[in-house]
Amino acid sequence: MFHKVLVANRGAVAARVLRALAEMGVRSVAVYSDADAGAPYLEMAGESYAIGAAPARESYLNQDALLEVVRDSRADGVHPGYGFLAENAAFAQKVADAGARFIGPSPKWIDAMGHKTRARELAAAYGMPMSSGSGVLPMENDAILAAARKIGFPVLVKPAGGGGGIGMLPARDEAELAVAVERSRSMAIRGFGNAEVYLERLIERPRHVEFQVLGDAHGAARHLYERDCSTQRRNQKVIEEAPAPGIGRGEAGAMAERIADIMRGMGYDNIGTVEMLYGADGSFSFLEMNTRLQVEHGVTELVTGVDLVQAQIRSAAGERLSAILPEQIELAGHAIQARVYAEDPKNFYPSPGRLSVFRPPQDAAVRVDTGFAEGREVTPHYDPMLAKVIVRAGGRDRAIDGLIVALESFAIEGVKHNIPAVLAVLRSEPFRAGRVHTGLIPEVLAGKN
């Protein structure tokens, strides 16, 4: 097991990992930018180090500063959390070169799955179900048009160098294609430093269903079932739940086993999430793989009883899955999570400011993951997520009702927030009936449901 772990992240992410380390009896190191000096998560760490100015590129993305803390603190492990450098193969390799262990997949897997077209090719070679798509698009308009015609309109233009919904643009005909490709390339270079884009067949009103996997360094890999992350705004997840509603357990379980078999065949060696689109015809198709812990991992933890952060750390420390996970993982009840953002609920624009009131729900049955406290500043430098609110109950309806009560009791003043929009979705008839899809939020807010 690790002697001391540096958590290379901030806020609620860092707090979640620091809590797991404390429960495991592992010493911890936190880092902070100028904007996060005095932040609540720092009190959870055994040591803390300043790493730079507020902008992420000058602090949390500053690999040299983080590696200097690794050396100064004598940490033998680095947990990247989720976000920032969690899927950066070069950083993972630098951690290894510095004599520490990166708590995540091997750099080769981060690199293989980080480029979306190469990941599709690799996954397809191992038998992953796929929708039709292209390779990286050339610059010539005629070749781009030929690729789209081969797939068939409508198509989706996507950046090859990163995910998270950034730069995903639909093109329903040839007239829209050139504009979408140009815009996607521009967004990709700003978001990922890589202008490469590719095409996928656009699945209308799809569901976004992802499968949690965990591997070890000894050739084992298992799944921990699925989550439904369909309820999104602008391709960004807002409400997540486990298990996925409206999909038969036999169907979901068979897909989960198939994915675990594929990961085992590949030799995948730590935590990961295989993201799939689920069409109206009941078919799954590969979307991408995230080689890290997910923001929404808490819903899986609540229905499986497995602490995924501790499992990830133990796998990175060299333990076998047979020792980490129970022999049989059973689903218990239903869990649902809402992401609470500091943003205008009408247009989802960020709303930075000082939290004059910040009182999360106090019910012991409600899990709240947050890195904020009353009086803290929500800065424009980082993601505006204030908290994740998670509820588990014996069934989906009761879980939804519990989440509604929890969100209604969440007092926030000083910034705008998205709770009114989330409540509108939770109360809508399509959501209650389990008829979720990636376009549900704008439909509900536009009064179409």
Protein backbone atom coordinates (compact mmCIF):
# COMPACT_ATOMS: atom_id res chain seq x y z
CA MET A 1 0.00 0.00 0.00
CA PHE A 2 1.05 3.58 -0.54
CA HIS A 3 2.94 5.46 2.15
CA LYS A 4 1.81 8.95 1.10
CA VAL A 5 -0.40 10.12 -1.77
CA LEU A 6 -0.47 13.53 -3.43
CA VAL A 7 -3.95 14.51 -4.63
CA ALA A 8 -3.41 16.55 -7.77
CA ASN A 9 -6.81 18.23 -7.82
CA ARG A 10 -9.00 20.66 -5.90
CA GLY A 11 -12.38 21.23 -4.26
CA ALA A 12 -14.91 18.43 -3.96
CA VAL A 13 -12.75 16.14 -6.09
CA ALA A 14 -9.80 16.47 -3.75
CA ALA A 15 -12.06 16.14 -0.70
CA ARG A 16 -13.49 12.86 -2.00
CA VAL A 17 -10.06 11.33 -2.55
CA LEU A 18 -8.67 12.69 0.73
CA ARG A 19 -11.57 11.12 2.60
CA ALA A 20 -10.82 7.72 1.05
CA LEU A 21 -7.12 8.01 1.91
CA ALA A 22 -7.94 8.88 5.53
CA GLU A 23 -10.25 5.87 5.81
CA MET A 24 -7.45 3.67 4.46
CA GLY A 25 -4.88 5.10 6.87
CA VAL A 26 -2.73 6.52 4.04
CA ARG A 27 -1.00 9.87 4.58
CA SER A 28 -2.08 12.59 2.17
CA VAL A 29 -0.80 15.73 0.47
CA ALA A 30 -3.02 18.46 -0.98
CA VAL A 31 -2.16 21.27 -3.37
CA TYR A 32 -3.84 24.62 -3.88
CA SER A 33 -3.78 27.67 -6.11
CA ASP A 34 -3.92 31.24 -4.85
CA ALA A 35 -7.71 31.15 -5.35
CA ASP A 36 -8.04 28.08 -3.12
CA ALA A 37 -5.91 29.21 -0.17
CA GLY A 38 -7.94 28.37 2.94
CA ALA A 39 -10.36 26.09 1.06
CA PRO A 40 -12.12 23.48 3.23
CA TYR A 41 -10.51 20.45 1.55
CA LEU A 42 -7.04 21.53 2.71
CA GLU A 43 -7.99 20.78 6.30
CA MET A 44 -8.45 17.12 5.35
CA ALA A 45 -4.83 16.66 4.22
CA GLY A 46 -1.77 15.90 6.28
CA GLU A 47 0.27 18.43 4.27
CA SER A 48 -0.58 21.10 1.73
CA TYR A 49 1.50 23.02 -0.81
CA ALA A 50 0.86 26.18 -2.83
CA ILE A 51 1.42 25.56 -6.55
CA GLY A 52 0.67 28.83 -8.32
CA ALA A 53 -1.79 31.47 -9.42
CA ALA A 54 -5.53 30.99 -9.85
CA PRO A 55 -5.64 30.11 -13.57
CA ALA A 56 -5.51 26.32 -13.89
CA ARG A 57 -2.69 26.39 -16.42
CA GLU A 58 -0.53 28.15 -13.81
CA SER A 59 -1.40 25.76 -10.98
CA TYR A 60 -3.40 22.53 -11.31
CA LEU A 61 -2.22 21.97 -14.89
CA ASN A 62 1.37 22.96 -14.11
CA GLN A 63 3.03 19.56 -14.28
CA ASP A 64 6.46 20.83 -13.17
CA ALA A 65 4.96 22.40 -10.02
CA LEU A 66 3.10 19.20 -9.16
CA LEU A 67 6.16 17.02 -9.70
CA GLU A 68 8.15 19.34 -7.46
CA VAL A 69 5.58 18.72 -4.70
CA VAL A 70 5.91 14.97 -5.31
CA ARG A 71 9.64 15.25 -4.65
CA ASP A 72 9.38 17.70 -1.73
CA SER A 73 6.66 15.72 0.05
CA ARG A 74 8.24 12.33 -0.77
CA ALA A 75 4.88 11.06 -1.95
CA ASP A 76 4.98 7.62 -3.51
CA GLY A 77 1.57 7.94 -5.18
CA VAL A 78 -0.29 10.60 -7.16
CA HIS A 79 -4.08 10.55 -7.47
CA PRO A 80 -5.27 12.94 -10.20
CA GLY A 81 -8.93 12.90 -9.17
CA TYR A 82 -11.22 13.39 -12.16
CA GLY A 83 -10.47 16.24 -14.52
CA PHE A 84 -7.31 18.34 -14.99
CA LEU A 85 -4.51 15.78 -15.54
CA ALA A 86 -6.49 12.58 -14.88
CA GLU A 87 -6.33 11.54 -18.54
CA ASN A 88 -2.91 12.94 -19.42
CA ALA A 89 -0.60 10.10 -20.43
CA ALA A 90 2.49 12.32 -20.44
CA PHE A 91 1.87 13.37 -16.83
CA ALA A 92 1.27 9.77 -15.76
CA GLN A 93 4.62 8.81 -17.28
CA LYS A 94 6.37 11.75 -15.60
CA VAL A 95 4.98 10.61 -12.25
CA ALA A 96 6.45 7.15 -12.85
CA ASP A 97 9.77 8.67 -13.94
CA ALA A 98 9.81 10.65 -10.68
CA GLY A 99 9.65 7.39 -8.73
CA ALA A 100 5.97 7.55 -7.73
CA ARG A 101 2.93 5.64 -8.97
CA PHE A 102 0.11 7.26 -10.90
CA ILE A 103 -3.21 6.09 -9.43
CA GLY A 104 -5.02 5.28 -12.62
CA PRO A 105 -4.49 3.21 -15.75
CA SER A 106 -1.05 2.77 -17.27
CA PRO A 107 0.03 5.62 -19.57
CA LYS A 108 -0.39 3.33 -22.59
CA TRP A 109 -4.12 2.95 -21.86
CA ILE A 110 -4.62 6.66 -21.23
CA ASP A 111 -2.93 7.36 -24.55
CA ALA A 112 -4.80 4.62 -26.42
CA MET A 113 -8.24 5.71 -25.25
CA GLY A 114 -7.55 9.46 -25.22
CA HIS A 115 -7.59 9.75 -29.01
CA LYS A 116 -11.19 8.99 -29.94
CA THR A 117 -10.71 7.53 -33.41
CA ARG A 118 -7.85 5.28 -32.29
CA ALA A 119 -9.96 4.22 -29.29
CA ARG A 120 -12.82 3.29 -31.63
CA GLU A 121 -10.48 1.22 -33.79
CA LEU A 122 -9.03 -0.58 -30.78
CA ALA A 123 -12.41 -1.23 -29.16
CA ALA A 124 -13.85 -2.48 -32.47
CA ALA A 125 -10.93 -4.88 -32.87
CA TYR A 126 -11.92 -6.49 -29.56
CA GLY A 127 -15.58 -6.82 -30.53
CA MET A 128 -17.15 -3.67 -29.06
CA PRO A 129 -20.49 -2.79 -30.75
CA MET A 130 -20.03 0.30 -32.91
CA SER A 131 -22.09 2.80 -34.84
CA SER A 132 -20.73 3.79 -38.24
CA GLY A 133 -18.05 6.48 -38.22
CA SER A 134 -14.99 7.86 -39.95
CA GLY A 135 -11.32 8.24 -39.22
CA VAL A 136 -9.76 11.66 -38.63
CA LEU A 137 -11.11 13.95 -41.32
CA PRO A 138 -8.73 15.34 -43.95
CA MET A 139 -8.75 19.02 -44.79
CA GLU A 140 -10.22 18.65 -48.28
CA ASN A 141 -13.94 19.40 -48.48
CA ASP A 142 -14.58 16.71 -51.10
CA ALA A 143 -13.04 14.03 -48.85
CA ILE A 144 -15.05 15.25 -45.85
CA LEU A 145 -18.25 15.14 -47.88
CA ALA A 146 -17.42 11.63 -49.13
CA ALA A 147 -16.90 10.42 -45.55
CA ALA A 148 -20.26 11.85 -44.48
CA ARG A 149 -22.06 10.33 -47.47
CA LYS A 150 -20.57 6.93 -46.68
CA ILE A 151 -21.97 7.10 -43.12
CA GLY A 152 -25.24 8.74 -44.15
CA PHE A 153 -26.77 11.95 -42.82
CA PRO A 154 -27.35 13.10 -40.16
CA VAL A 155 -23.82 12.92 -38.75
CA LEU A 156 -22.12 14.18 -35.62
CA VAL A 157 -18.78 16.01 -35.84
CA LYS A 158 -16.56 15.24 -32.83
CA PRO A 159 -13.04 16.20 -31.70
CA ALA A 160 -10.61 13.28 -31.79
CA GLY A 161 -8.37 14.60 -29.02
CA GLY A 162 -10.83 14.94 -26.14
CA GLY A 163 -14.34 14.38 -24.85
CA GLY A 164 -16.76 15.89 -22.37
CA GLY A 165 -19.11 17.08 -25.09
CA ILE A 166 -16.80 19.90 -26.18
CA GLY A 167 -17.00 20.51 -29.91
CA MET A 168 -19.73 17.94 -30.64
CA LEU A 169 -21.86 19.41 -33.42
CA PRO A 170 -24.61 17.84 -35.57
CA ALA A 171 -24.80 18.18 -39.33
CA ARG A 172 -28.09 17.12 -40.86
CA ASP A 173 -27.18 17.80 -44.46
CA GLU A 174 -24.28 18.80 -46.70
CA ALA A 175 -24.88 22.51 -46.18
CA GLU A 176 -24.39 22.19 -42.42
CA LEU A 177 -21.38 19.89 -42.64
CA ALA A 178 -18.65 22.37 -43.61
CA VAL A 179 -19.76 24.85 -40.95
CA ALA A 180 -19.92 22.17 -38.26
CA VAL A 181 -16.46 20.81 -39.13
CA GLU A 182 -14.90 24.28 -39.03
CA ARG A 183 -16.55 25.15 -35.70
CA SER A 184 -15.67 21.77 -34.16
CA ARG A 185 -12.02 22.14 -35.19
CA SER A 186 -11.89 25.60 -33.64
CA MET A 187 -13.41 24.37 -30.38
CA ALA A 188 -11.13 21.32 -30.35
CA ILE A 189 -7.94 23.34 -30.68
CA ARG A 190 -9.05 25.63 -27.85
CA GLY A 191 -10.20 22.79 -25.62
CA PHE A 192 -7.61 20.10 -26.32
CA GLY A 193 -4.79 21.65 -28.35
CA ASN A 194 -5.68 19.24 -31.16
CA ALA A 195 -7.75 20.27 -34.17
CA GLU A 196 -8.46 16.72 -35.39
CA VAL A 197 -12.14 15.84 -35.77
CA TYR A 198 -14.07 12.85 -37.05
CA LEU A 199 -17.65 11.83 -37.88
CA GLU A 200 -20.12 9.44 -36.29
CA ARG A 201 -23.62 8.53 -37.32
CA LEU A 202 -25.99 10.81 -35.37
CA ILE A 203 -28.38 8.75 -33.27
CA GLU A 204 -31.57 10.73 -32.72
CA ARG A 205 -32.72 11.19 -29.10
CA PRO A 206 -30.21 8.64 -27.75
CA ARG A 207 -29.66 7.57 -24.21
CA HIS A 208 -26.19 7.86 -22.69
CA VAL A 209 -25.48 4.69 -20.70
CA GLU A 210 -22.03 4.05 -19.24
CA PHE A 211 -20.51 0.94 -17.72
CA GLN A 212 -18.14 1.04 -14.75
CA VAL A 213 -15.11 -1.24 -15.04
CA LEU A 214 -12.13 -1.98 -12.85
CA GLY A 215 -8.99 -3.90 -13.79
CA ASP A 216 -5.81 -4.86 -11.99
CA ALA A 217 -2.17 -5.42 -12.89
CA HIS A 218 -2.67 -9.20 -12.91
CA GLY A 219 -4.95 -9.55 -15.93
CA ALA A 220 -8.33 -9.39 -14.20
CA ALA A 221 -11.17 -7.02 -15.07
CA ARG A 222 -14.75 -6.77 -13.81
CA HIS A 223 -17.76 -4.53 -14.21
CA LEU A 224 -19.88 -2.81 -11.58
CA TYR A 225 -22.98 -2.48 -13.77
CA GLU A 226 -24.19 0.64 -15.53
CA ARG A 227 -25.31 4.23 -14.97
CA ASP A 228 -27.70 6.31 -17.03
CA CYS A 229 -26.28 9.77 -17.75
CA SER A 230 -28.73 10.82 -20.45
CA THR A 231 -30.11 13.90 -18.70
CA GLN A 232 -27.70 16.53 -20.01
CA ARG A 233 -27.47 20.12 -21.06
CA ARG A 234 -25.14 21.01 -23.93
CA ASN A 235 -23.67 17.50 -23.83
CA GLN A 236 -22.76 17.96 -20.14
CA LYS A 237 -24.26 15.56 -17.58
CA VAL A 238 -26.62 16.99 -14.96
CA ILE A 239 -28.63 14.05 -13.55
CA GLU A 240 -27.19 10.53 -13.29
CA GLU A 241 -28.72 7.36 -11.90
CA ALA A 242 -28.02 3.68 -11.35
CA PRO A 243 -29.24 1.31 -12.53
CA ALA A 244 -30.45 2.63 -15.89
CA PRO A 245 -34.26 2.90 -15.99
CA GLY A 246 -36.27 1.11 -18.65
CA ILE A 247 -33.54 -1.32 -19.71
CA GLY A 248 -34.07 -4.94 -18.73
CA ARG A 249 -31.60 -6.32 -16.22
CA GLY A 250 -30.79 -9.20 -18.54
CA GLU A 251 -29.99 -6.83 -21.41
CA ALA A 252 -27.91 -4.45 -19.28
CA GLY A 253 -26.14 -7.30 -17.50
CA ALA A 254 -25.22 -9.00 -20.77
CA MET A 255 -23.71 -5.78 -22.11
CA ALA A 256 -21.80 -5.26 -18.88
CA GLU A 257 -20.36 -8.79 -19.04
CA ARG A 258 -19.41 -8.29 -22.69
CA ILE A 259 -17.57 -5.08 -21.84
CA ALA A 260 -15.78 -6.72 -18.90
CA ASP A 261 -14.66 -9.54 -21.21
CA ILE A 262 -13.31 -6.97 -23.68
CA MET A 263 -11.42 -5.08 -20.97
CA ARG A 264 -9.99 -8.36 -19.70
CA GLY A 265 -8.88 -9.29 -23.20
CA MET A 266 -7.18 -5.93 -23.64
CA GLY A 267 -5.41 -6.17 -20.30
CA TYR A 268 -6.90 -2.93 -18.97
CA ASP A 269 -5.38 -2.35 -15.54
CA ASN A 270 -7.30 0.16 -13.41
CA ILE A 271 -10.55 2.09 -13.21
CA GLY A 272 -12.40 3.18 -16.32
CA THR A 273 -15.81 3.89 -17.79
CA VAL A 274 -17.05 2.64 -21.15
CA GLU A 275 -19.60 5.12 -22.45
CA MET A 276 -22.29 3.84 -24.81
CA LEU A 277 -25.21 5.28 -26.73
CA TYR A 278 -28.45 3.35 -26.45
CA GLY A 279 -30.75 3.81 -29.41
CA ALA A 280 -34.51 3.63 -29.68
CA ASP A 281 -34.07 0.23 -31.36
CA GLY A 282 -32.51 -1.16 -28.18
CA SER A 283 -28.97 -1.30 -29.55
CA PHE A 284 -25.81 -0.24 -27.74
CA SER A 285 -22.96 1.45 -29.61
CA PHE A 286 -19.56 2.54 -28.31
CA LEU A 287 -19.13 6.26 -27.68
CA GLU A 288 -15.79 6.56 -25.89
CA MET A 289 -13.86 5.35 -22.88
CA ASN A 290 -12.84 7.55 -19.96
CA THR A 291 -9.67 6.27 -18.31
CA ARG A 292 -10.42 7.78 -14.92
CA LEU A 293 -12.82 7.96 -12.03
CA GLN A 294 -16.07 9.68 -13.06
CA VAL A 295 -17.85 12.58 -11.37
CA GLU A 296 -20.92 10.37 -11.11
CA HIS A 297 -19.17 7.41 -9.46
CA GLY A 298 -21.17 7.96 -6.25
CA VAL A 299 -24.39 6.48 -7.63
CA THR A 300 -22.57 3.25 -8.43
CA GLU A 301 -21.06 3.19 -4.95
CA LEU A 302 -24.47 3.52 -3.32
CA VAL A 303 -26.07 0.65 -5.24
CA THR A 304 -23.10 -1.74 -5.14
CA GLY A 305 -21.63 -0.96 -1.72
CA VAL A 306 -18.15 -0.68 -3.28
CA ASP A 307 -15.98 2.37 -2.52
CA LEU A 308 -14.60 2.99 -6.01
CA VAL A 309 -11.91 5.42 -4.89
CA GLN A 310 -10.48 2.94 -2.43
CA ALA A 311 -10.78 0.15 -5.02
CA GLN A 312 -8.90 2.25 -7.55
CA ILE A 313 -6.13 3.00 -5.06
CA ARG A 314 -5.80 -0.63 -4.03
CA SER A 315 -5.58 -1.74 -7.66
CA ALA A 316 -2.87 0.85 -8.34
CA ALA A 317 -1.01 -0.47 -5.29
CA GLY A 318 -0.83 -3.89 -6.93
CA GLU A 319 -3.64 -5.75 -5.17
CA ARG A 320 -5.69 -8.33 -7.05
CA LEU A 321 -9.34 -7.73 -7.87
CA SER A 322 -10.17 -10.95 -6.05
CA ALA A 323 -9.07 -9.21 -2.84
CA ILE A 324 -10.54 -5.81 -3.69
CA LEU A 325 -14.07 -6.67 -4.81
CA PRO A 326 -16.62 -9.07 -3.32
CA GLU A 327 -17.10 -12.33 -5.18
CA GLN A 328 -20.63 -11.32 -6.12
CA ILE A 329 -21.62 -7.69 -6.61
CA GLU A 330 -25.36 -7.21 -6.20
CA LEU A 331 -27.44 -4.14 -7.03
CA ALA A 332 -29.36 -2.77 -4.04
CA GLY A 333 -32.05 -0.19 -4.71
CA HIS A 334 -31.76 2.87 -6.92
CA ALA A 335 -29.44 5.88 -6.63
CA ILE A 336 -29.78 9.24 -8.32
CA GLN A 337 -27.49 12.26 -8.40
CA ALA A 338 -27.94 15.90 -9.36
CA ARG A 339 -25.06 18.22 -10.11
CA VAL A 340 -25.65 21.64 -8.57
CA TYR A 341 -23.96 24.38 -10.59
CA ALA A 342 -23.44 28.08 -10.02
CA GLU A 343 -25.11 29.05 -13.25
CA ASP A 344 -28.18 30.82 -14.57
CA PRO A 345 -30.96 28.18 -14.78
CA LYS A 346 -32.38 29.85 -17.89
CA ASN A 347 -29.29 29.75 -20.12
CA PHE A 348 -26.74 27.75 -18.06
CA TYR A 349 -24.13 30.51 -18.17
CA PRO A 350 -21.73 30.42 -15.18
CA SER A 351 -22.57 32.70 -12.24
CA PRO A 352 -19.43 33.44 -10.21
CA GLY A 353 -19.66 35.31 -6.92
CA ARG A 354 -19.50 34.99 -3.15
CA LEU A 355 -21.65 32.35 -1.44
CA SER A 356 -23.38 34.54 1.14
CA VAL A 357 -25.53 31.52 2.06
CA PHE A 358 -24.51 27.92 1.42
CA ARG A 359 -26.37 25.33 3.46
CA PRO A 360 -26.57 21.85 1.89
CA PRO A 361 -29.28 19.41 3.02
CA GLN A 362 -28.53 17.94 6.44
CA ASP A 363 -30.43 14.66 6.12
CA ALA A 364 -28.09 11.78 6.98
CA ALA A 365 -29.67 9.77 4.15
CA VAL A 366 -28.51 12.34 1.58
CA ARG A 367 -24.91 12.29 0.35
CA VAL A 368 -23.49 15.70 -0.53
CA ASP A 369 -20.04 15.97 -2.13
CA THR A 370 -18.84 19.58 -2.15
CA GLY A 371 -15.71 21.66 -1.91
CA PHE A 372 -17.49 24.87 -0.91
CA ALA A 373 -18.57 26.49 2.33
CA GLU A 374 -20.52 29.61 3.22
CA GLY A 375 -18.50 32.74 2.48
CA ARG A 376 -16.31 31.08 -0.15
CA GLU A 377 -15.93 32.62 -3.59
CA VAL A 378 -17.05 30.86 -6.77
CA THR A 379 -14.36 31.99 -9.19
CA PRO A 380 -14.51 32.04 -13.00
CA HIS A 381 -11.26 30.05 -13.14
CA TYR A 382 -12.75 26.59 -12.54
CA ASP A 383 -15.79 24.46 -13.27
CA PRO A 384 -18.84 26.07 -11.58
CA MET A 385 -20.13 22.86 -9.97
CA LEU A 386 -21.01 23.60 -6.36
CA ALA A 387 -22.01 20.14 -5.17
CA LYS A 388 -23.28 16.69 -6.05
CA VAL A 389 -26.42 15.65 -4.21
CA ILE A 390 -27.04 11.88 -4.17
CA VAL A 391 -29.95 9.88 -2.79
CA ARG A 392 -30.48 6.12 -2.66
CA ALA A 393 -33.81 4.42 -2.00
CA GLY A 394 -35.46 1.07 -2.49
CA GLY A 395 -36.91 2.10 -5.87
CA ARG A 396 -36.54 4.80 -8.51
CA ASP A 397 -39.67 6.79 -7.63
CA ARG A 398 -38.68 7.02 -3.98
CA ALA A 399 -35.13 8.02 -4.92
CA ILE A 400 -36.44 10.82 -7.17
CA ASP A 401 -38.78 12.02 -4.42
CA GLY A 402 -35.90 12.02 -1.94
CA LEU A 403 -33.70 14.03 -4.31
CA ILE A 404 -36.47 16.59 -4.83
CA VAL A 405 -36.82 17.08 -1.07
CA ALA A 406 -33.04 17.37 -0.68
CA LEU A 407 -32.70 19.98 -3.43
CA GLU A 408 -35.64 21.99 -2.08
CA SER A 409 -33.84 22.22 1.26
CA PHE A 410 -30.50 23.31 -0.29
CA ALA A 411 -30.11 27.03 0.57
CA ILE A 412 -27.84 28.98 -1.79
CA GLU A 413 -27.58 32.76 -2.03
CA GLY A 414 -25.05 35.09 -3.63
CA VAL A 415 -24.92 33.27 -6.98
CA LYS A 416 -27.50 31.98 -9.41
CA HIS A 417 -27.82 28.20 -9.45
CA ASN A 418 -29.47 25.47 -11.51
CA ILE A 419 -31.63 23.85 -8.82
CA PRO A 420 -34.90 25.27 -10.28
CA ALA A 421 -34.09 23.71 -13.66
CA VAL A 422 -33.14 20.37 -12.10
CA LEU A 423 -36.36 20.29 -10.09
CA ALA A 424 -38.40 21.00 -13.22
CA VAL A 425 -36.81 18.01 -14.93
CA LEU A 426 -37.21 15.69 -11.91
CA ARG A 427 -40.92 16.56 -11.75
CA SER A 428 -41.55 16.19 -15.48
CA GLU A 429 -43.68 13.32 -16.72
CA PRO A 430 -41.10 11.93 -19.21
CA PHE A 431 -38.37 11.80 -16.57
CA ARG A 432 -40.63 10.20 -13.97
CA ALA A 433 -41.62 7.61 -16.57
CA GLY A 434 -37.97 6.87 -17.39
CA ARG A 435 -38.22 8.25 -20.94
CA VAL A 436 -34.86 9.98 -20.68
CA HIS A 437 -32.65 11.05 -23.57
CA THR A 438 -29.85 13.56 -24.17
CA GLY A 439 -32.23 16.28 -25.33
CA LEU A 440 -34.71 16.05 -22.45
CA ILE A 441 -33.58 19.09 -20.44
CA PRO A 442 -34.10 21.70 -23.21
CA GLU A 443 -37.43 20.09 -24.07
CA VAL A 444 -38.66 20.29 -20.47
CA LEU A 445 -37.45 23.86 -19.98
CA ALA A 446 -39.05 24.91 -23.25
CA GLY A 447 -42.37 23.54 -22.02
CA LYS A 448 -42.54 20.74 -24.57
CA ASN A 449 -43.27 18.11 -21.90
